[in-house]
N, C-alpha and C. Protein backbone atom coordinates (compact mmCIF):
# COMPACT_ATOMS: atom_id res chain seq x y z
N MET A 1 6.23 6.24 -94.17
CA MET A 1 6.80 5.39 -92.96
C MET A 1 5.49 5.27 -92.00
N SER A 2 5.71 4.08 -91.15
CA SER A 2 4.56 3.59 -90.37
C SER A 2 4.69 4.39 -89.09
N ALA A 3 3.89 4.24 -88.26
CA ALA A 3 3.91 4.82 -86.86
C ALA A 3 4.47 4.32 -86.00
N TYR A 4 4.88 2.96 -86.16
CA TYR A 4 5.65 2.06 -85.33
C TYR A 4 7.17 2.55 -85.69
N ASN A 5 7.56 2.77 -86.97
CA ASN A 5 8.81 2.91 -87.26
C ASN A 5 9.35 4.47 -86.80
N ASP A 6 8.45 5.54 -87.09
CA ASP A 6 8.43 6.70 -86.42
C ASP A 6 8.80 6.69 -85.12
N ALA A 7 8.00 5.99 -84.45
CA ALA A 7 8.13 5.80 -82.75
C ALA A 7 9.44 5.16 -82.39
N LEU A 8 9.80 4.40 -83.23
CA LEU A 8 11.15 3.82 -82.83
C LEU A 8 12.08 4.47 -83.09
N LEU A 9 12.17 5.48 -84.41
CA LEU A 9 13.16 6.34 -84.65
C LEU A 9 13.36 7.45 -83.44
N TRP A 10 12.11 7.97 -83.02
CA TRP A 10 12.24 9.03 -82.19
C TRP A 10 12.69 8.33 -80.97
N ALA A 11 12.31 7.14 -80.54
CA ALA A 11 12.69 6.72 -79.21
C ALA A 11 13.95 6.15 -79.06
N THR A 12 14.77 5.87 -80.14
CA THR A 12 16.33 5.59 -80.04
C THR A 12 16.98 6.84 -80.13
N SER A 13 16.55 7.88 -80.71
CA SER A 13 17.18 9.17 -80.65
C SER A 13 16.90 9.61 -79.05
N TYR A 14 15.82 9.72 -78.62
CA TYR A 14 15.57 10.12 -77.16
C TYR A 14 16.11 9.38 -76.25
N CYS A 15 16.47 8.12 -76.41
CA CYS A 15 17.36 7.44 -75.34
C CYS A 15 19.00 7.51 -75.56
N SER A 16 19.10 7.97 -76.70
CA SER A 16 20.52 8.20 -77.21
C SER A 16 21.24 9.57 -76.45
N ARG A 17 20.39 10.40 -76.44
CA ARG A 17 20.58 11.52 -75.81
C ARG A 17 21.03 11.68 -74.26
N SER A 18 20.14 11.04 -73.58
CA SER A 18 20.56 10.91 -72.16
C SER A 18 19.61 9.61 -71.48
N GLU A 19 20.07 9.20 -70.40
CA GLU A 19 19.39 8.25 -69.54
C GLU A 19 18.16 8.38 -69.39
N HIS A 20 17.35 7.36 -69.71
CA HIS A 20 15.79 7.19 -69.81
C HIS A 20 15.39 5.93 -69.18
N CYS A 21 14.42 5.52 -68.67
CA CYS A 21 13.77 4.57 -68.16
C CYS A 21 12.42 4.20 -69.07
N ALA A 22 11.92 3.05 -68.92
CA ALA A 22 10.61 2.65 -69.77
C ALA A 22 9.64 3.64 -69.41
N ALA A 23 9.34 3.93 -68.20
CA ALA A 23 8.31 4.83 -67.96
C ALA A 23 8.21 6.16 -68.64
N ASP A 24 9.64 6.87 -68.83
CA ASP A 24 9.79 8.14 -69.68
C ASP A 24 9.49 7.82 -70.90
N VAL A 25 10.01 6.65 -71.39
CA VAL A 25 9.41 6.64 -73.11
C VAL A 25 7.89 6.45 -72.95
N LEU A 26 7.43 5.51 -72.07
CA LEU A 26 5.88 5.52 -72.24
C LEU A 26 5.30 6.75 -72.01
N SER A 27 5.58 7.41 -71.19
CA SER A 27 4.90 8.66 -70.97
C SER A 27 4.91 9.83 -72.15
N LYS A 28 5.71 9.50 -73.09
CA LYS A 28 5.94 10.50 -74.36
C LYS A 28 5.46 10.01 -75.67
N ILE A 29 5.41 8.60 -75.39
CA ILE A 29 5.09 7.58 -76.76
C ILE A 29 3.81 7.66 -77.18
N ASP A 30 2.80 8.26 -76.38
CA ASP A 30 1.31 8.03 -76.63
C ASP A 30 1.07 9.04 -77.92
N LYS A 31 1.92 10.03 -78.49
CA LYS A 31 1.46 10.67 -79.55
C LYS A 31 1.37 9.68 -81.03
N TYR A 32 2.06 8.75 -80.91
CA TYR A 32 2.35 7.61 -81.96
C TYR A 32 1.21 6.93 -82.04
N GLU A 33 0.14 6.86 -81.24
CA GLU A 33 -0.82 6.01 -81.03
C GLU A 33 -0.57 4.36 -81.48
N LEU A 34 0.38 3.84 -80.81
CA LEU A 34 0.40 2.45 -81.25
C LEU A 34 -0.60 1.57 -80.12
N ASN A 35 -0.59 0.32 -80.54
CA ASN A 35 -1.45 -0.52 -79.88
C ASN A 35 -0.48 -1.26 -78.90
N PRO A 36 -0.96 -1.96 -77.96
CA PRO A 36 -0.32 -2.33 -76.80
C PRO A 36 1.15 -3.16 -77.49
N SER A 37 0.85 -4.14 -78.38
CA SER A 37 1.53 -5.05 -78.77
C SER A 37 2.71 -4.32 -79.27
N GLN A 38 2.52 -3.35 -80.18
CA GLN A 38 3.50 -2.55 -80.58
C GLN A 38 4.71 -1.89 -79.42
N VAL A 39 3.89 -1.24 -78.54
CA VAL A 39 4.46 -0.57 -77.53
C VAL A 39 5.42 -1.63 -76.69
N GLU A 40 5.02 -2.97 -76.65
CA GLU A 40 5.95 -4.11 -75.94
C GLU A 40 7.01 -4.22 -76.79
N GLN A 41 6.61 -4.43 -77.94
CA GLN A 41 8.00 -4.69 -79.02
C GLN A 41 8.98 -3.69 -79.12
N LEU A 42 8.27 -2.35 -79.09
CA LEU A 42 9.31 -1.07 -79.02
C LEU A 42 10.32 -1.08 -77.82
N LEU A 43 9.81 -1.28 -76.56
CA LEU A 43 10.27 -1.44 -75.38
C LEU A 43 11.09 -2.73 -75.27
N ALA A 44 10.65 -3.73 -76.00
CA ALA A 44 12.02 -5.02 -75.84
C ALA A 44 12.86 -4.59 -76.94
N TYR A 45 12.69 -4.00 -77.80
CA TYR A 45 13.84 -3.72 -78.69
C TYR A 45 14.73 -2.61 -77.99
N LEU A 46 14.05 -1.33 -77.42
CA LEU A 46 15.10 -0.49 -76.81
C LEU A 46 15.94 -1.21 -75.55
N LYS A 47 15.33 -2.09 -74.87
CA LYS A 47 16.13 -2.98 -73.67
C LYS A 47 17.08 -4.06 -74.42
N GLN A 48 16.61 -4.72 -75.47
CA GLN A 48 17.93 -5.47 -75.99
C GLN A 48 18.98 -4.98 -76.75
N GLU A 49 18.58 -3.70 -77.25
CA GLU A 49 19.97 -2.89 -77.54
C GLU A 49 20.33 -2.05 -76.80
N LYS A 50 19.96 -2.19 -75.36
CA LYS A 50 20.65 -1.36 -74.34
C LYS A 50 20.47 0.12 -74.39
N TYR A 51 19.22 0.63 -75.30
CA TYR A 51 18.99 2.06 -75.06
C TYR A 51 18.41 2.33 -73.80
N ILE A 52 17.92 1.35 -73.28
CA ILE A 52 17.11 1.41 -72.06
C ILE A 52 17.71 0.44 -71.06
N ASP A 53 18.39 0.64 -69.95
CA ASP A 53 18.84 -0.25 -68.80
C ASP A 53 18.57 0.36 -67.73
N GLU A 54 17.55 -0.50 -66.83
CA GLU A 54 16.65 0.33 -65.62
C GLU A 54 18.32 0.57 -64.40
N LYS A 55 18.98 -0.61 -64.44
CA LYS A 55 19.91 -0.50 -63.52
C LYS A 55 20.84 0.87 -63.67
N ARG A 56 21.26 0.95 -64.92
CA ARG A 56 22.14 2.24 -65.44
C ARG A 56 21.40 3.14 -64.87
N TYR A 57 20.00 3.34 -65.27
CA TYR A 57 19.08 4.56 -65.27
C TYR A 57 18.99 4.80 -63.54
N ALA A 58 18.87 3.85 -62.83
CA ALA A 58 18.68 4.24 -61.44
C ALA A 58 19.81 4.60 -60.99
N ARG A 59 21.15 3.97 -61.19
CA ARG A 59 22.48 4.53 -60.79
C ARG A 59 22.52 6.29 -61.02
N ALA A 60 22.35 6.46 -62.36
CA ALA A 60 22.52 7.75 -62.96
C ALA A 60 21.58 8.90 -62.20
N TYR A 61 20.23 8.27 -62.07
CA TYR A 61 19.34 8.99 -61.47
C TYR A 61 19.51 9.51 -59.98
N ALA A 62 20.06 8.15 -59.33
CA ALA A 62 20.12 8.29 -57.77
C ALA A 62 21.78 9.49 -57.66
N LEU A 63 22.56 9.04 -58.32
CA LEU A 63 23.60 10.09 -57.99
C LEU A 63 23.70 11.63 -58.44
N ASP A 64 22.73 11.85 -59.71
CA ASP A 64 22.42 13.06 -60.04
C ASP A 64 21.62 13.96 -59.01
N GLN A 65 20.52 13.07 -58.52
CA GLN A 65 19.40 13.60 -57.43
C GLN A 65 20.34 14.12 -56.40
N PHE A 66 21.01 13.13 -55.95
CA PHE A 66 21.94 13.31 -54.81
C PHE A 66 22.88 14.43 -54.75
N ARG A 67 23.71 14.67 -55.76
CA ARG A 67 24.65 15.60 -56.00
C ARG A 67 24.21 17.31 -56.15
N PHE A 68 23.21 16.84 -57.42
CA PHE A 68 22.47 18.12 -57.79
C PHE A 68 21.56 18.84 -57.21
N ALA A 69 20.87 18.20 -56.80
CA ALA A 69 19.37 18.50 -56.17
C ALA A 69 19.44 18.24 -54.45
N GLN A 70 20.21 17.20 -54.29
CA GLN A 70 20.78 17.37 -52.76
C GLN A 70 19.61 16.68 -52.17
N TRP A 71 19.03 15.50 -52.57
CA TRP A 71 17.98 14.79 -52.28
C TRP A 71 18.35 13.84 -50.96
N GLY A 72 17.84 13.21 -50.34
CA GLY A 72 18.10 11.94 -49.47
C GLY A 72 17.94 10.82 -50.07
N ARG A 73 18.07 9.68 -49.46
CA ARG A 73 18.05 8.29 -50.08
C ARG A 73 16.45 8.08 -50.06
N LEU A 74 15.75 8.30 -49.10
CA LEU A 74 14.57 8.12 -49.21
C LEU A 74 13.67 8.84 -50.12
N LYS A 75 14.20 9.96 -50.50
CA LYS A 75 13.19 10.68 -51.66
C LYS A 75 13.67 10.27 -53.08
N ILE A 76 14.98 10.14 -53.10
CA ILE A 76 15.23 9.24 -54.23
C ILE A 76 14.67 7.99 -54.55
N ALA A 77 14.47 7.19 -53.60
CA ALA A 77 13.98 5.74 -53.84
C ALA A 77 12.68 6.04 -54.13
N GLN A 78 12.00 6.77 -53.42
CA GLN A 78 10.32 6.96 -53.52
C GLN A 78 10.31 7.53 -55.24
N ALA A 79 10.85 8.39 -55.83
CA ALA A 79 11.03 8.83 -57.28
C ALA A 79 11.32 7.80 -58.09
N LEU A 80 12.34 6.95 -57.63
CA LEU A 80 12.26 5.66 -58.85
C LEU A 80 11.21 4.92 -58.77
N ARG A 81 10.87 4.56 -57.47
CA ARG A 81 9.44 3.56 -57.48
C ARG A 81 8.52 4.11 -58.04
N MET A 82 8.33 5.35 -58.19
CA MET A 82 7.05 6.17 -59.05
C MET A 82 7.20 5.84 -60.56
N LYS A 83 8.62 5.50 -61.16
CA LYS A 83 9.06 5.19 -62.20
C LYS A 83 9.13 3.78 -62.50
N HIS A 84 8.56 2.79 -61.62
CA HIS A 84 8.64 1.72 -61.73
C HIS A 84 9.71 0.77 -61.88
N ILE A 85 10.77 1.42 -61.30
CA ILE A 85 12.24 0.64 -61.22
C ILE A 85 12.02 -0.73 -59.82
N GLN A 86 12.54 -1.50 -60.22
CA GLN A 86 12.46 -2.75 -59.24
C GLN A 86 13.27 -2.45 -57.97
N ASP A 87 12.90 -2.70 -56.91
CA ASP A 87 13.46 -2.42 -55.78
C ASP A 87 14.90 -2.98 -55.51
N SER A 88 15.27 -3.98 -56.21
CA SER A 88 16.76 -4.37 -56.11
C SER A 88 17.64 -3.59 -56.84
N ASP A 89 17.13 -2.82 -58.22
CA ASP A 89 18.02 -1.76 -58.82
C ASP A 89 17.97 -0.39 -58.12
N ILE A 90 17.03 -0.35 -57.25
CA ILE A 90 16.90 0.96 -56.53
C ILE A 90 17.86 0.65 -55.27
N GLN A 91 17.82 -0.45 -54.58
CA GLN A 91 18.92 -0.32 -53.44
C GLN A 91 20.18 -0.45 -54.11
N GLU A 92 20.70 -1.03 -55.14
CA GLU A 92 22.01 -1.10 -55.89
C GLU A 92 22.44 0.29 -55.98
N ALA A 93 21.61 1.23 -56.58
CA ALA A 93 21.94 2.46 -56.81
C ALA A 93 22.09 3.35 -55.54
N LEU A 94 21.65 3.06 -54.65
CA LEU A 94 21.39 3.75 -53.37
C LEU A 94 22.82 3.62 -52.72
N GLN A 95 23.27 2.27 -52.89
CA GLN A 95 24.32 1.94 -52.35
C GLN A 95 25.63 2.47 -52.79
N GLU A 96 25.46 3.50 -53.96
CA GLU A 96 26.62 3.77 -54.75
C GLU A 96 26.94 5.45 -54.28
N ILE A 97 25.98 5.75 -53.54
CA ILE A 97 26.12 6.88 -52.82
C ILE A 97 27.27 6.88 -51.81
N PRO A 98 28.29 7.40 -51.74
CA PRO A 98 29.09 7.58 -50.54
C PRO A 98 28.54 7.96 -49.40
N GLN A 99 28.84 7.32 -48.23
CA GLN A 99 28.19 7.51 -47.00
C GLN A 99 28.81 8.89 -46.45
N ASP A 100 30.02 9.01 -46.36
CA ASP A 100 30.68 10.26 -45.92
C ASP A 100 30.23 11.48 -46.60
N GLU A 101 30.21 11.30 -47.80
CA GLU A 101 29.82 12.39 -48.80
C GLU A 101 28.06 12.93 -48.53
N TYR A 102 27.54 11.77 -48.05
CA TYR A 102 25.95 12.10 -47.85
C TYR A 102 25.79 12.32 -46.70
N LEU A 103 26.57 12.30 -45.65
CA LEU A 103 26.66 12.86 -44.46
C LEU A 103 27.09 14.32 -44.42
N ASP A 104 28.11 14.37 -45.28
CA ASP A 104 28.53 15.94 -45.58
C ASP A 104 27.63 17.01 -46.08
N VAL A 105 26.67 16.37 -47.00
CA VAL A 105 25.84 17.12 -47.56
C VAL A 105 24.74 17.35 -46.81
N LEU A 106 24.57 16.35 -45.98
CA LEU A 106 23.13 16.60 -45.10
C LEU A 106 23.65 17.46 -43.98
N LYS A 107 24.59 17.63 -43.62
CA LYS A 107 25.24 18.63 -42.51
C LYS A 107 25.46 20.08 -43.19
N ASN A 108 25.81 20.16 -44.21
CA ASN A 108 25.85 21.48 -44.89
C ASN A 108 24.20 21.93 -45.23
N LEU A 109 23.25 21.11 -45.40
CA LEU A 109 22.16 21.60 -45.70
C LEU A 109 21.67 22.04 -44.52
N LEU A 110 21.85 21.23 -43.61
CA LEU A 110 21.25 21.61 -42.03
C LEU A 110 21.81 23.00 -41.70
N LEU A 111 23.26 23.07 -41.99
CA LEU A 111 23.89 24.57 -41.14
C LEU A 111 23.45 25.46 -42.02
N LYS A 112 23.17 25.58 -43.35
CA LYS A 112 22.69 26.52 -44.17
C LYS A 112 21.08 27.01 -43.84
N LYS A 113 20.26 25.83 -43.74
CA LYS A 113 19.00 26.27 -43.15
C LYS A 113 18.72 26.75 -41.86
N GLN A 114 19.77 26.38 -40.95
CA GLN A 114 19.69 26.78 -39.68
C GLN A 114 19.88 28.30 -39.65
N LYS A 115 20.62 28.84 -40.58
CA LYS A 115 20.96 30.44 -40.43
C LYS A 115 19.83 31.00 -41.16
N GLN A 116 18.98 30.48 -41.91
CA GLN A 116 17.94 31.16 -42.33
C GLN A 116 16.54 31.04 -41.40
N MET A 117 16.53 29.87 -40.27
CA MET A 117 15.60 29.75 -39.62
C MET A 117 15.46 31.05 -38.37
N SER A 118 14.44 31.22 -37.86
CA SER A 118 14.23 31.73 -36.52
C SER A 118 13.51 30.46 -35.38
N ALA A 119 14.01 30.52 -34.40
CA ALA A 119 13.02 29.64 -33.46
C ALA A 119 13.37 30.25 -31.92
N LYS A 120 12.23 29.97 -31.22
CA LYS A 120 12.36 30.52 -29.71
C LYS A 120 13.20 29.75 -28.75
N THR A 121 13.15 28.32 -29.30
CA THR A 121 13.71 27.47 -28.33
C THR A 121 14.53 26.50 -29.31
N PRO A 122 15.59 25.98 -28.37
CA PRO A 122 16.73 24.96 -29.22
C PRO A 122 15.59 23.76 -29.67
N TYR A 123 14.57 23.48 -28.82
CA TYR A 123 13.75 22.14 -29.20
C TYR A 123 13.13 22.55 -30.60
N GLU A 124 12.43 23.73 -30.60
CA GLU A 124 11.97 24.36 -31.83
C GLU A 124 12.65 24.28 -33.09
N LEU A 125 13.96 24.97 -32.96
CA LEU A 125 14.72 24.66 -33.87
C LEU A 125 15.27 23.33 -34.49
N THR A 126 15.53 22.44 -33.71
CA THR A 126 15.70 21.13 -33.96
C THR A 126 14.57 20.36 -34.73
N MET A 127 13.36 20.74 -34.29
CA MET A 127 12.07 20.13 -34.89
C MET A 127 12.00 20.65 -36.05
N LYS A 128 12.09 22.09 -36.46
CA LYS A 128 12.26 22.35 -37.98
C LYS A 128 13.40 21.99 -38.56
N LEU A 129 14.23 21.79 -38.06
CA LEU A 129 15.48 21.21 -39.19
C LEU A 129 15.30 19.58 -39.16
N LEU A 130 14.76 18.98 -38.23
CA LEU A 130 14.05 17.67 -38.58
C LEU A 130 13.16 17.56 -39.67
N ARG A 131 12.52 18.19 -39.83
CA ARG A 131 11.16 18.33 -40.76
C ARG A 131 12.01 18.90 -42.21
N PHE A 132 12.70 19.69 -42.08
CA PHE A 132 13.17 20.25 -43.36
C PHE A 132 14.19 18.98 -43.88
N ALA A 133 14.83 18.35 -43.17
CA ALA A 133 15.91 17.30 -43.67
C ALA A 133 14.99 16.22 -43.98
N TYR A 134 14.05 15.83 -43.26
CA TYR A 134 13.18 14.80 -43.63
C TYR A 134 12.48 14.90 -44.60
N SER A 135 12.08 16.18 -45.22
CA SER A 135 11.14 16.57 -46.45
C SER A 135 12.30 16.41 -47.51
N ARG A 136 13.38 16.50 -47.49
CA ARG A 136 14.48 16.20 -48.40
C ARG A 136 14.89 15.01 -48.96
N GLY A 137 14.21 13.94 -48.06
CA GLY A 137 14.44 12.20 -48.27
C GLY A 137 15.41 11.75 -47.47
N PHE A 138 16.08 12.46 -46.32
CA PHE A 138 17.20 12.17 -45.27
C PHE A 138 16.56 11.05 -44.38
N GLU A 139 17.26 10.49 -43.91
CA GLU A 139 16.60 9.13 -42.64
C GLU A 139 16.88 9.93 -41.37
N PRO A 140 15.67 9.80 -40.60
CA PRO A 140 15.90 10.62 -39.09
C PRO A 140 17.06 10.21 -38.38
N GLU A 141 17.54 8.97 -38.71
CA GLU A 141 18.64 8.31 -37.74
C GLU A 141 20.22 9.50 -38.36
N HIS A 142 20.14 9.74 -39.45
CA HIS A 142 21.25 10.53 -39.93
C HIS A 142 20.93 11.99 -39.68
N ILE A 143 19.78 12.43 -39.67
CA ILE A 143 19.41 13.87 -39.37
C ILE A 143 19.99 13.82 -37.95
N ARG A 144 19.45 13.05 -37.17
CA ARG A 144 19.67 13.25 -35.80
C ARG A 144 21.21 13.01 -35.43
N GLN A 145 21.82 12.44 -35.98
CA GLN A 145 23.47 12.32 -35.98
C GLN A 145 23.98 13.58 -36.40
N CYS A 146 23.59 14.07 -37.52
CA CYS A 146 24.40 15.17 -38.15
C CYS A 146 23.77 16.67 -36.96
N ILE A 147 22.76 16.49 -36.46
CA ILE A 147 22.31 17.57 -35.66
C ILE A 147 23.06 17.70 -34.14
N THR A 148 23.40 16.26 -33.63
CA THR A 148 24.14 16.25 -32.22
C THR A 148 25.47 16.56 -32.41
N ILE A 149 26.09 15.82 -33.73
CA ILE A 149 27.49 15.96 -33.57
C ILE A 149 28.01 17.54 -34.23
N SER A 150 26.98 18.20 -34.56
CA SER A 150 27.28 19.46 -34.81
C SER A 150 27.62 20.71 -33.61
N ASP A 151 28.47 21.40 -33.66
CA ASP A 151 28.85 22.27 -32.48
C ASP A 151 28.01 23.57 -32.77
N ASP A 152 27.36 23.62 -33.95
CA ASP A 152 26.66 24.87 -33.98
C ASP A 152 25.40 24.67 -33.88
N PHE A 153 24.93 23.52 -33.21
CA PHE A 153 23.25 23.42 -33.04
C PHE A 153 23.36 23.50 -31.37
């Protein structure tokens, strides 16, 4: 069997098990030592046969990172950009995150984090919470909204 056929067999199996994007496949295909035209041909085949679908991948990635890792939209978008997903696909995927669920997750994260923090002043506590939530990828306007509407702050 040729290196291309081995790589194709591996890639189809890899993409069948779970959602992957072209960047994921490219990062692992090096071991087959394919030339650039073979790599292009392999990716074209995977896309044509729907083993790789960037829109589908972006949707699955965004929802998984939001629900399981509790990332905000900014962090999810950045991670998808690093995987060379188109901005239009990223925006579509982010719109599928329900806004009410998004704010609930953020509020719960802030409440949980507040219980673990110590601060000398309310201002210091607010700033720590803002930094924490921003590092998780939530937008400043949503963070402030959740901090101000909560009775616990």
